[in-house]
C-alpha atoms as a PDB file:
ATOM      1  CA  MET A   1       0.000   0.000   0.000  1.00  0.00           C
ATOM      2  CA  ASN A   2       1.173   3.524  -0.782  1.00  0.00           C
ATOM      3  CA  LEU A   3      -0.494   6.840   0.039  1.00  0.00           C
ATOM      4  CA  GLN A   4      -1.805   7.374  -3.481  1.00  0.00           C
ATOM      5  CA  GLU A   5      -3.381   3.924  -3.542  1.00  0.00           C
ATOM      6  CA  LEU A   6      -5.003   4.493  -0.140  1.00  0.00           C
ATOM      7  CA  ASN A   7      -6.441   7.836  -1.185  1.00  0.00           C
ATOM      8  CA  TYR A   8      -7.787   6.411  -4.445  1.00  0.00           C
ATOM      9  CA  VAL A   9      -9.665   3.577  -2.721  1.00  0.00           C
ATOM     10  CA  LEU A  10     -10.984   5.848   0.036  1.00  0.00           C
ATOM     11  CA  CYS A  11     -12.258   8.282  -2.563  1.00  0.00           C
ATOM     12  CA  ILE A  12     -14.087   5.515  -4.462  1.00  0.00           C
ATOM     13  CA  ALA A  13     -15.694   4.392  -1.195  1.00  0.00           C
ATOM     14  CA  LYS A  14     -16.675   7.969  -0.374  1.00  0.00           C
ATOM     15  CA  HIS A  15     -18.516   8.594  -3.648  1.00  0.00           C
ATOM     16  CA  GLN A  16     -19.433   4.997  -4.549  1.00  0.00           C
ATOM     17  CA  ASN A  17     -18.986   6.196  -8.116  1.00  0.00           C
ATOM     18  CA  LEU A  18     -15.867   6.103 -10.317  1.00  0.00           C
ATOM     19  CA  THR A  19     -16.697   9.231 -12.292  1.00  0.00           C
ATOM     20  CA  LYS A  20     -17.212  11.376  -9.196  1.00  0.00           C
ATOM     21  CA  ALA A  21     -14.140   9.915  -7.484  1.00  0.00           C
ATOM     22  CA  ALA A  22     -11.980  10.516 -10.560  1.00  0.00           C
ATOM     23  CA  ARG A  23     -13.199  14.110 -10.727  1.00  0.00           C
ATOM     24  CA  GLU A  24     -12.150  14.735  -7.113  1.00  0.00           C
ATOM     25  CA  LEU A  25      -8.779  13.025  -7.692  1.00  0.00           C
ATOM     26  CA  TYR A  26      -8.130  15.029 -10.902  1.00  0.00           C
ATOM     27  CA  ILE A  27      -7.585  11.909 -12.983  1.00  0.00           C
ATOM     28  CA  SER A  28      -9.611  10.349 -15.796  1.00  0.00           C
ATOM     29  CA  GLN A  29     -12.292   7.773 -15.100  1.00  0.00           C
ATOM     30  CA  PRO A  30     -10.582   5.117 -17.293  1.00  0.00           C
ATOM     31  CA  THR A  31      -7.333   5.639 -15.369  1.00  0.00           C
ATOM     32  CA  LEU A  32      -9.109   5.106 -12.041  1.00  0.00           C
ATOM     33  CA  SER A  33     -10.935   2.049 -13.412  1.00  0.00           C
ATOM     34  CA  LYS A  34      -7.645   0.456 -14.569  1.00  0.00           C
ATOM     35  CA  PHE A  35      -6.080   1.219 -11.185  1.00  0.00           C
ATOM     36  CA  LEU A  36      -8.921  -0.537  -9.356  1.00  0.00           C
ATOM     37  CA  GLN A  37      -8.803  -3.574 -11.657  1.00  0.00           C
ATOM     38  CA  LYS A  38      -5.053  -3.903 -11.137  1.00  0.00           C
ATOM     39  CA  LEU A  39      -5.382  -3.531  -7.359  1.00  0.00           C
ATOM     40  CA  GLU A  40      -8.130  -6.147  -7.140  1.00  0.00           C
ATOM     41  CA  ARG A  41      -5.926  -8.595  -9.102  1.00  0.00           C
ATOM     42  CA  GLU A  42      -3.149  -7.987  -6.583  1.00  0.00           C
ATOM     43  CA  MET A  43      -5.601  -8.442  -3.687  1.00  0.00           C
ATOM     44  CA  ASP A  44      -6.882 -11.658  -5.330  1.00  0.00           C
ATOM     45  CA  GLY A  45     -10.422 -10.499  -4.588  1.00  0.00           C
ATOM     46  CA  LYS A  46     -12.994  -7.808  -5.182  1.00  0.00           C
ATOM     47  CA  LEU A  47     -12.831  -4.666  -3.044  1.00  0.00           C
ATOM     48  CA  PHE A  48     -16.158  -3.359  -4.398  1.00  0.00           C
ATOM     49  CA  SER A  49     -19.386  -4.889  -5.635  1.00  0.00           C
ATOM     50  CA  ARG A  50     -20.880  -3.149  -8.679  1.00  0.00           C
ATOM     51  CA  ILE A  51     -24.576  -2.404  -8.098  1.00  0.00           C
ATOM     52  CA  GLY A  52     -25.660  -0.383 -11.119  1.00  0.00           C
ATOM     53  CA  ASN A  53     -23.370   2.648 -11.107  1.00  0.00           C
ATOM     54  CA  ARG A  54     -22.599   2.270  -7.404  1.00  0.00           C
ATOM     55  CA  PHE A  55     -19.395   0.737  -6.044  1.00  0.00           C
ATOM     56  CA  VAL A  56     -20.216  -0.797  -2.649  1.00  0.00           C
ATOM     57  CA  PRO A  57     -17.353  -2.192  -0.504  1.00  0.00           C
ATOM     58  CA  THR A  58     -17.236  -5.961  -0.088  1.00  0.00           C
ATOM     59  CA  HIS A  59     -16.108  -7.532   3.202  1.00  0.00           C
ATOM     60  CA  LEU A  60     -12.549  -7.526   1.843  1.00  0.00           C
ATOM     61  CA  GLY A  61     -13.030  -3.901   0.815  1.00  0.00           C
ATOM     62  CA  ARG A  62     -14.326  -2.849   4.225  1.00  0.00           C
ATOM     63  CA  ARG A  63     -11.323  -4.417   5.935  1.00  0.00           C
ATOM     64  CA  TYR A  64      -8.999  -2.703   3.433  1.00  0.00           C
ATOM     65  CA  LEU A  65     -10.669   0.640   4.145  1.00  0.00           C
ATOM     66  CA  GLU A  66     -10.245   0.220   7.904  1.00  0.00           C
ATOM     67  CA  TYR A  67      -6.492  -0.309   7.496  1.00  0.00           C
ATOM     68  CA  ALA A  68      -6.265   2.471   4.919  1.00  0.00           C
ATOM     69  CA  ARG A  69      -7.789   5.018   7.303  1.00  0.00           C
ATOM     70  CA  ARG A  70      -5.495   3.932  10.122  1.00  0.00           C
ATOM     71  CA  MET A  71      -2.409   4.126   7.899  1.00  0.00           C
ATOM     72  CA  LEU A  72      -3.325   7.630   6.707  1.00  0.00           C
ATOM     73  CA  GLU A  73      -3.875   8.757  10.298  1.00  0.00           C
ATOM     74  CA  VAL A  74      -0.428   7.425  11.280  1.00  0.00           C
ATOM     75  CA  HIS A  75       1.121   9.236   8.325  1.00  0.00           C
ATOM     76  CA  GLN A  76      -0.648  12.489   9.227  1.00  0.00           C
ATOM     77  CA  ASP A  77       0.439  12.152  12.877  1.00  0.00           C
ATOM     78  CA  TRP A  78       4.040  11.644  11.781  1.00  0.00           C
ATOM     79  CA  GLU A  79       3.982  14.710   9.542  1.00  0.00           C
ATOM     80  CA  ARG A  80       2.596  16.851  12.346  1.00  0.00           C
ATOM     81  CA  GLU A  81       5.127  15.553  14.878  1.00  0.00           C
ATOM     82  CA  ARG A  82       7.985  15.991  12.403  1.00  0.00           C
ATOM     83  CA  LEU A  83       7.014  19.631  11.974  1.00  0.00           C
ATOM     84  CA  ASP A  84       6.926  20.025  15.742  1.00  0.00           C
ATOM     85  CA  LEU A  85      10.328  18.386  16.213  1.00  0.00           C
ATOM     86  CA  ASN A  86      11.850  20.631  13.568  1.00  0.00           C
ATOM     87  CA  ALA A  87      10.338  23.651  15.355  1.00  0.00           C
ATOM     88  CA  CYS A  88       8.697  24.638  12.118  1.00  0.00           C
ATOM     89  CA  GLN A  89       6.474  27.684  12.372  1.00  0.00           C
ATOM     90  CA  GLU A  90       4.431  26.811   9.313  1.00  0.00           C
ATOM     91  CA  GLY A  91       1.422  24.566   9.307  1.00  0.00           C
ATOM     92  CA  GLU A  92      -2.335  24.293   9.136  1.00  0.00           C
ATOM     93  CA  LEU A  93      -5.062  23.882  11.721  1.00  0.00           C
ATOM     94  CA  ASN A  94      -8.586  22.743  10.832  1.00  0.00           C
ATOM     95  CA  VAL A  95     -11.144  23.554  13.526  1.00  0.00           C
ATOM     96  CA  ALA A  96     -14.906  22.996  13.418  1.00  0.00           C
ATOM     97  CA  PHE A  97     -17.480  25.049  15.308  1.00  0.00           C
ATOM     98  CA  PRO A  98     -21.256  24.763  15.434  1.00  0.00           C
ATOM     99  CA  LEU A  99     -23.062  27.123  13.094  1.00  0.00           C
ATOM    100  CA  MET A 100     -22.659  30.727  14.362  1.00  0.00           C
ATOM    101  CA  ARG A 101     -20.588  29.717  17.428  1.00  0.00           C
ATOM    102  CA  SER A 102     -17.357  30.773  15.726  1.00  0.00           C
ATOM    103  CA  SER A 103     -18.522  34.399  15.490  1.00  0.00           C
ATOM    104  CA  CYS A 104     -18.762  34.472  19.302  1.00  0.00           C
ATOM    105  CA  MET A 105     -15.438  32.768  20.052  1.00  0.00           C
ATOM    106  CA  ILE A 106     -12.960  33.278  17.218  1.00  0.00           C
ATOM    107  CA  PRO A 107     -12.608  37.087  17.592  1.00  0.00           C
ATOM    108  CA  ARG A 108     -11.320  36.439  21.125  1.00  0.00           C
ATOM    109  CA  ILE A 109      -9.071  33.461  20.277  1.00  0.00           C
ATOM    110  CA  LEU A 110      -7.533  34.102  16.864  1.00  0.00           C
ATOM    111  CA  PRO A 111      -5.682  37.417  17.496  1.00  0.00           C
ATOM    112  CA  ARG A 112      -3.767  35.877  20.415  1.00  0.00           C
ATOM    113  CA  PHE A 113      -3.060  32.681  18.513  1.00  0.00           C
ATOM    114  CA  HIS A 114      -1.931  34.506  15.378  1.00  0.00           C
ATOM    115  CA  ALA A 115       0.437  36.687  17.422  1.00  0.00           C
ATOM    116  CA  GLN A 116       2.237  33.524  18.577  1.00  0.00           C
ATOM    117  CA  TYR A 117       1.958  31.498  15.371  1.00  0.00           C
ATOM    118  CA  PRO A 118       1.745  33.885  12.396  1.00  0.00           C
ATOM    119  CA  GLY A 119       2.771  31.100  10.002  1.00  0.00           C
ATOM    120  CA  ILE A 120      -0.057  28.739  10.983  1.00  0.00           C
ATOM    121  CA  ARG A 121      -3.081  28.921   8.719  1.00  0.00           C
ATOM    122  CA  VAL A 122      -6.352  28.358  10.576  1.00  0.00           C
ATOM    123  CA  ASN A 123      -9.270  26.940   8.578  1.00  0.00           C
ATOM    124  CA  LEU A 124     -12.601  27.421  10.345  1.00  0.00           C
ATOM    125  CA  ARG A 125     -15.451  25.105   9.452  1.00  0.00           C
ATOM    126  CA  GLU A 126     -18.943  25.979  10.571  1.00  0.00           C
ATOM    127  CA  GLU A 127     -20.858  22.756  10.939  1.00  0.00           C
ATOM    128  CA  THR A 128     -24.379  21.655  11.813  1.00  0.00           C
ATOM    129  CA  TYR A 129     -25.492  19.591  14.799  1.00  0.00           C
ATOM    130  CA  ALA A 130     -23.853  16.437  13.332  1.00  0.00           C
ATOM    131  CA  ILE A 131     -20.405  17.838  14.134  1.00  0.00           C
ATOM    132  CA  GLN A 132     -19.441  14.770  16.200  1.00  0.00           C
ATOM    133  CA  GLU A 133     -19.980  12.403  13.272  1.00  0.00           C
ATOM    134  CA  ARG A 134     -18.025  14.734  10.979  1.00  0.00           C
ATOM    135  CA  LEU A 135     -15.161  14.797  13.477  1.00  0.00           C
ATOM    136  CA  LEU A 136     -14.995  11.020  13.510  1.00  0.00           C
ATOM    137  CA  LEU A 137     -15.091  10.653   9.732  1.00  0.00           C
ATOM    138  CA  ASP A 138     -13.090  13.637   8.450  1.00  0.00           C
ATOM    139  CA  ASP A 139      -9.359  12.924   8.637  1.00  0.00           C
ATOM    140  CA  GLU A 140      -8.631  16.544   7.741  1.00  0.00           C
ATOM    141  CA  LEU A 141     -10.338  17.888  10.877  1.00  0.00           C
ATOM    142  CA  ASP A 142      -8.049  18.386  13.882  1.00  0.00           C
ATOM    143  CA  PHE A 143     -10.657  19.083  16.552  1.00  0.00           C
ATOM    144  CA  ALA A 144     -14.070  20.591  17.126  1.00  0.00           C
ATOM    145  CA  VAL A 145     -15.782  22.859  19.651  1.00  0.00           C
ATOM    146  CA  PHE A 146     -19.367  21.998  20.566  1.00  0.00           C
ATOM    147  CA  ASN A 147     -21.854  21.261  23.347  1.00  0.00           C
ATOM    148  CA  GLU A 148     -22.000  17.530  23.766  1.00  0.00           C
ATOM    149  CA  GLY A 149     -24.215  15.696  26.184  1.00  0.00           C
ATOM    150  CA  ASN A 150     -23.540  12.164  24.873  1.00  0.00           C
ATOM    151  CA  PRO A 151     -19.769  11.475  24.723  1.00  0.00           C
ATOM    152  CA  HIS A 152     -18.526   9.104  22.015  1.00  0.00           C
ATOM    153  CA  PRO A 153     -16.059   6.357  23.083  1.00  0.00           C
ATOM    154  CA  LYS A 154     -13.713   7.113  20.154  1.00  0.00           C
ATOM    155  CA  LEU A 155     -13.294  10.786  21.076  1.00  0.00           C
ATOM    156  CA  GLU A 156     -11.319  12.643  23.741  1.00  0.00           C
ATOM    157  CA  TYR A 157     -12.993  15.665  25.364  1.00  0.00           C
ATOM    158  CA  GLU A 158     -11.513  18.690  27.101  1.00  0.00           C
ATOM    159  CA  ALA A 159     -13.903  21.000  28.934  1.00  0.00           C
ATOM    160  CA  LEU A 160     -13.840  24.687  28.038  1.00  0.00           C
ATOM    161  CA  GLU A 161     -16.612  25.680  30.439  1.00  0.00           C
ATOM    162  CA  THR A 162     -19.980  24.654  31.762  1.00  0.00           C
ATOM    163  CA  GLU A 163     -22.287  27.027  29.976  1.00  0.00           C
ATOM    164  CA  GLU A 164     -25.636  28.151  31.321  1.00  0.00           C
ATOM    165  CA  ILE A 165     -28.632  27.803  28.997  1.00  0.00           C
ATOM    166  CA  LEU A 166     -30.711  30.951  29.486  1.00  0.00           C
ATOM    167  CA  LEU A 167     -34.303  31.841  28.790  1.00  0.00           C
ATOM    168  CA  MET A 168     -34.534  34.984  26.647  1.00  0.00           C
ATOM    169  CA  LEU A 169     -37.707  37.077  26.401  1.00  0.00           C
ATOM    170  CA  PRO A 170     -38.539  39.924  24.019  1.00  0.00           C
ATOM    171  CA  PRO A 171     -37.961  43.482  25.349  1.00  0.00           C
ATOM    172  CA  GLY A 172     -40.801  44.671  27.559  1.00  0.00           C
ATOM    173  CA  HIS A 173     -42.355  41.227  27.898  1.00  0.00           C
ATOM    174  CA  PRO A 174     -45.085  41.345  30.590  1.00  0.00           C
ATOM    175  CA  ARG A 175     -43.998  38.057  32.164  1.00  0.00           C
ATOM    176  CA  ALA A 176     -40.510  39.408  32.929  1.00  0.00           C
ATOM    177  CA  SER A 177     -41.850  40.815  36.202  1.00  0.00           C
ATOM    178  CA  LYS A 178     -42.552  37.250  37.383  1.00  0.00           C
ATOM    179  CA  ALA A 179     -38.832  36.506  37.694  1.00  0.00           C
ATOM    180  CA  VAL A 180     -37.316  36.442  41.186  1.00  0.00           C
ATOM    181  CA  ALA A 181     -33.823  36.658  42.655  1.00  0.00           C
ATOM    182  CA  ARG A 182     -32.570  33.347  44.025  1.00  0.00           C
ATOM    183  CA  ASP A 183     -29.333  32.515  45.834  1.00  0.00           C
ATOM    184  CA  GLY A 184     -26.736  30.864  43.613  1.00  0.00           C
ATOM    185  CA  PHE A 185     -28.264  32.072  40.345  1.00  0.00           C
ATOM    186  CA  ALA A 186     -26.442  34.621  38.170  1.00  0.00           C
ATOM    187  CA  TYR A 187     -29.676  35.766  36.508  1.00  0.00           C
ATOM    188  CA  PRO A 188     -33.233  36.327  37.771  1.00  0.00           C
ATOM    189  CA  TRP A 189     -34.997  32.976  37.996  1.00  0.00           C
ATOM    190  CA  MET A 190     -38.155  32.299  36.000  1.00  0.00           C
ATOM    191  CA  ASP A 191     -40.739  29.577  36.590  1.00  0.00           C
ATOM    192  CA  LEU A 192     -41.495  28.306  33.091  1.00  0.00           C
ATOM    193  CA  ARG A 193     -45.102  27.592  34.017  1.00  0.00           C
ATOM    194  CA  TYR A 194     -45.728  31.334  33.655  1.00  0.00           C
ATOM    195  CA  LEU A 195     -44.918  30.903  29.948  1.00  0.00           C
ATOM    196  CA  ALA A 196     -47.093  27.872  29.246  1.00  0.00           C
ATOM    197  CA  GLU A 197     -49.082  29.749  26.575  1.00  0.00           C
ATOM    198  CA  GLU A 198     -46.229  31.837  25.150  1.00  0.00           C
ATOM    199  CA  PRO A 199     -44.732  31.034  21.695  1.00  0.00           C
ATOM    200  CA  PHE A 200     -41.189  29.640  21.732  1.00  0.00           C
ATOM    201  CA  LEU A 201     -38.488  29.762  19.059  1.00  0.00           C
ATOM    202  CA  LEU A 202     -36.632  26.457  19.400  1.00  0.00           C
ATOM    203  CA  HIS A 203     -33.681  24.523  18.068  1.00  0.00           C
ATOM    204  CA  PHE A 204     -34.396  21.122  16.550  1.00  0.00           C
ATOM    205  CA  PRO A 205     -34.659  18.122  18.944  1.00  0.00           C
ATOM    206  CA  GLU A 206     -31.341  16.603  17.832  1.00  0.00           C
ATOM    207  CA  GLN A 207     -29.470  19.750  18.890  1.00  0.00           C
ATOM    208  CA  THR A 208     -28.302  20.059  22.496  1.00  0.00           C
ATOM    209  CA  THR A 209     -30.288  23.233  23.235  1.00  0.00           C
ATOM    210  CA  GLY A 210     -33.341  21.744  21.517  1.00  0.00           C
ATOM    211  CA  GLN A 211     -33.115  18.638  23.699  1.00  0.00           C
ATOM    212  CA  ILE A 212     -32.782  20.748  26.846  1.00  0.00           C
ATOM    213  CA  ALA A 213     -35.807  22.888  25.949  1.00  0.00           C
ATOM    214  CA  ARG A 214     -38.059  19.862  25.501  1.00  0.00           C
ATOM    215  CA  GLN A 215     -36.795  18.301  28.745  1.00  0.00           C
ATOM    216  CA  LEU A 216     -37.701  21.512  30.588  1.00  0.00           C
ATOM    217  CA  PHE A 217     -41.172  21.531  29.036  1.00  0.00           C
ATOM    218  CA  GLN A 218     -41.665  17.932  30.122  1.00  0.00           C
ATOM    219  CA  PHE A 219     -40.452  18.635  33.663  1.00  0.00           C
ATOM    220  CA  TYR A 220     -42.813  21.605  34.082  1.00  0.00           C
ATOM    221  CA  GLU A 221     -45.621  19.774  32.254  1.00  0.00           C
ATOM    222  CA  ILE A 222     -46.207  22.533  29.725  1.00  0.00           C
ATOM    223  CA  ASN A 223     -46.679  22.414  25.968  1.00  0.00           C
ATOM    224  CA  PRO A 224     -46.235  25.952  24.602  1.00  0.00           C
ATOM    225  CA  PRO A 225     -46.730  26.722  20.886  1.00  0.00           C
ATOM    226  CA  VAL A 226     -43.600  26.534  18.707  1.00  0.00           C
ATOM    227  CA  PRO A 227     -44.087  28.626  15.543  1.00  0.00           C
ATOM    228  CA  PHE A 228     -40.429  28.488  14.471  1.00  0.00           C
ATOM    229  CA  CYS A 229     -37.566  25.949  14.598  1.00  0.00           C
ATOM    230  CA  THR A 230     -34.015  26.563  13.408  1.00  0.00           C
ATOM    231  CA  ARG A 231     -30.463  25.328  13.874  1.00  0.00           C
ATOM    232  CA  ASN A 232     -29.276  28.944  13.968  1.00  0.00           C
ATOM    233  CA  THR A 233     -28.985  30.383  17.492  1.00  0.00           C
ATOM    234  CA  GLN A 234     -28.417  33.916  16.251  1.00  0.00           C
ATOM    235  CA  ALA A 235     -31.686  33.750  14.302  1.00  0.00           C
ATOM    236  CA  CYS A 236     -33.511  32.716  17.504  1.00  0.00           C
ATOM    237  CA  ILE A 237     -32.004  35.646  19.380  1.00  0.00           C
ATOM    238  CA  LEU A 238     -32.789  38.238  16.718  1.00  0.00           C
ATOM    239  CA  LEU A 239     -36.376  37.010  16.269  1.00  0.00           C
ATOM    240  CA  CYS A 240     -36.854  36.982  20.029  1.00  0.00           C
ATOM    241  CA  GLN A 241     -35.633  40.590  20.195  1.00  0.00           C
ATOM    242  CA  GLN A 242     -38.270  41.478  17.590  1.00  0.00           C
ATOM    243  CA  GLY A 243     -41.052  40.051  19.737  1.00  0.00           C
ATOM    244  CA  MET A 244     -41.599  36.776  17.862  1.00  0.00           C
ATOM    245  CA  GLY A 245     -41.360  34.592  20.953  1.00  0.00           C
ATOM    246  CA  ALA A 246     -39.226  33.316  23.815  1.00  0.00           C
ATOM    247  CA  ALA A 247     -35.992  31.377  23.197  1.00  0.00           C
ATOM    248  CA  PHE A 248     -33.402  29.249  24.984  1.00  0.00           C
ATOM    249  CA  VAL A 249     -29.888  30.550  24.368  1.00  0.00           C
ATOM    250  CA  PRO A 250     -26.400  29.406  25.482  1.00  0.00           C
ATOM    251  CA  GLU A 251     -24.851  32.162  27.588  1.00  0.00           C
ATOM    252  CA  GLY A 252     -21.793  32.345  25.306  1.00  0.00           C
ATOM    253  CA  TYR A 253     -23.937  33.743  22.500  1.00  0.00           C
ATOM    254  CA  VAL A 254     -25.341  36.437  24.784  1.00  0.00           C
ATOM    255  CA  ARG A 255     -21.814  37.446  25.797  1.00  0.00           C
ATOM    256  CA  GLY A 256     -20.566  37.422  22.212  1.00  0.00           C
ATOM    257  CA  MET A 257     -23.326  39.465  20.537  1.00  0.00           C
ATOM    258  CA  HIS A 258     -23.933  43.220  20.536  1.00  0.00           C
ATOM    259  CA  PHE A 259     -27.340  44.473  21.637  1.00  0.00           C
ATOM    260  CA  ASP A 260     -28.679  48.013  21.450  1.00  0.00           C
ATOM    261  CA  ALA A 261     -30.375  47.388  24.798  1.00  0.00           C
ATOM    262  CA  PRO A 262     -29.550  44.664  27.367  1.00  0.00           C
ATOM    263  CA  PRO A 263     -31.495  41.498  26.546  1.00  0.00           C
ATOM    264  CA  LEU A 264     -33.969  40.008  29.031  1.00  0.00           C
ATOM    265  CA  CYS A 265     -32.255  36.807  30.204  1.00  0.00           C
ATOM    266  CA  PHE A 266     -33.308  34.454  32.983  1.00  0.00           C
ATOM    267  CA  SER A 267     -32.100  31.316  34.698  1.00  0.00           C
ATOM    268  CA  VAL A 268     -34.463  28.342  34.445  1.00  0.00           C
ATOM    269  CA  GLY A 269     -34.692  24.910  35.980  1.00  0.00           C
ATOM    270  CA  GLU A 270     -34.765  24.023  39.658  1.00  0.00           C
ATOM    271  CA  SER A 271     -30.956  24.044  39.900  1.00  0.00           C
ATOM    272  CA  GLY A 272     -30.230  26.093  36.801  1.00  0.00           C
ATOM    273  CA  THR A 273     -29.753  24.614  33.346  1.00  0.00           C
ATOM    274  CA  PHE A 274     -26.242  23.980  32.064  1.00  0.00           C
ATOM    275  CA  SER A 275     -24.454  22.326  29.161  1.00  0.00           C
ATOM    276  CA  PRO A 276     -20.731  21.493  28.861  1.00  0.00           C
ATOM    277  CA  LEU A 277     -18.848  23.308  26.096  1.00  0.00           C
ATOM    278  CA  THR A 278     -16.026  21.017  24.980  1.00  0.00           C
ATOM    279  CA  ILE A 279     -13.163  20.628  22.566  1.00  0.00           C
ATOM    280  CA  ALA A 280     -13.091  17.109  21.139  1.00  0.00           C
ATOM    281  CA  TYR A 281     -10.655  15.141  18.979  1.00  0.00           C
ATOM    282  CA  ARG A 282     -10.136  11.519  17.993  1.00  0.00           C
ATOM    283  CA  LYS A 283      -8.533   9.287  20.599  1.00  0.00           C
ATOM    284  CA  GLY A 284      -4.879   8.587  19.936  1.00  0.00           C
ATOM    285  CA  VAL A 285      -4.478  11.387  17.385  1.00  0.00           C
ATOM    286  CA  TYR A 286      -1.310  13.467  17.630  1.00  0.00           C
ATOM    287  CA  LEU A 287      -1.962  17.185  18.197  1.00  0.00           C
ATOM    288  CA  PRO A 288       0.986  19.429  17.281  1.00  0.00           C
ATOM    289  CA  GLY A 289       2.166  22.045  19.739  1.00  0.00           C
ATOM    290  CA  TYR A 290       0.348  24.878  18.019  1.00  0.00           C
ATOM    291  CA  ALA A 291      -2.940  22.918  18.209  1.00  0.00           C
ATOM    292  CA  ARG A 292      -2.447  22.437  21.951  1.00  0.00           C
ATOM    293  CA  GLU A 293      -1.776  26.171  22.250  1.00  0.00           C
ATOM    294  CA  PHE A 294      -5.005  26.982  20.388  1.00  0.00           C
ATOM    295  CA  ILE A 295      -6.892  24.856  22.933  1.00  0.00           C
ATOM    296  CA  ARG A 296      -5.122  26.562  25.840  1.00  0.00           C
ATOM    297  CA  ILE A 297      -6.033  30.026  24.527  1.00  0.00           C
ATOM    298  CA  ALA A 298      -9.641  28.926  23.976  1.00  0.00           C
ATOM    299  CA  LYS A 299      -9.844  27.859  27.625  1.00  0.00           C
ATOM    300  CA  GLU A 300      -8.444  31.191  28.830  1.00  0.00           C
ATOM    301  CA  THR A 301     -10.611  33.415  26.642  1.00  0.00           C
ATOM    302  CA  ARG A 302     -13.995  31.723  27.054  1.00  0.00           C
END
């Protein structure tokens, strides 16, 4: 196996189509077809079953792909460590954030990081709620920042902070006066039963904040109307500010956004409602020194 061969087979498995794989690899389809035929002769078996135009891995192919991914990861780890050992100040860092989260965090992290590592190019990837799956599958991704309530056994997690999930109400909302001060709470505390008939702007159930919202509704035995669902936290905040409904918002977004007037934010839940904000990466992966420094800065500037 060589790196080119590994990349060719992985690309075929990714697209399940020779034409699309060849296009990504910048080679002709006949060239890729001849390569695969030659490789399967050497393997003395089929790596892919042809089902119409689809190329589906056989058992032999699946085992080959497992080793191919591991070998590429080892090669990538070596390249990163070699750069570290040579004290090279050039490199690349690929970091994923949930949609809109980067706008709250990166302006605080990147200037400090760039001052220390001006030769390191940082590629930011704004992802959807399925960021954990992307992190596991994308060999080009170094690590990701996200709220994760269900840890995956193949990932390592480092806590940035435990972030409070706040209730936000539109300016001048009449129910705001129902909030009370309670010991141990950073914000006025609101009993959600006062909002049982109020419209809510929610995240989808598969998102962490969406899950938390529905758990709170279940706990307080309320079923408020939900006229709008989105994966975009900033959209929830802006619509809430325009009087469209209440919203649940991670505190980091409130800190990171500019408001003409202070937003109406409240603590909820009998003991407050919190979600861990983490940095995650694949277990066993080598993180170069500049990647570790990016994580350190993120922890200090949260």
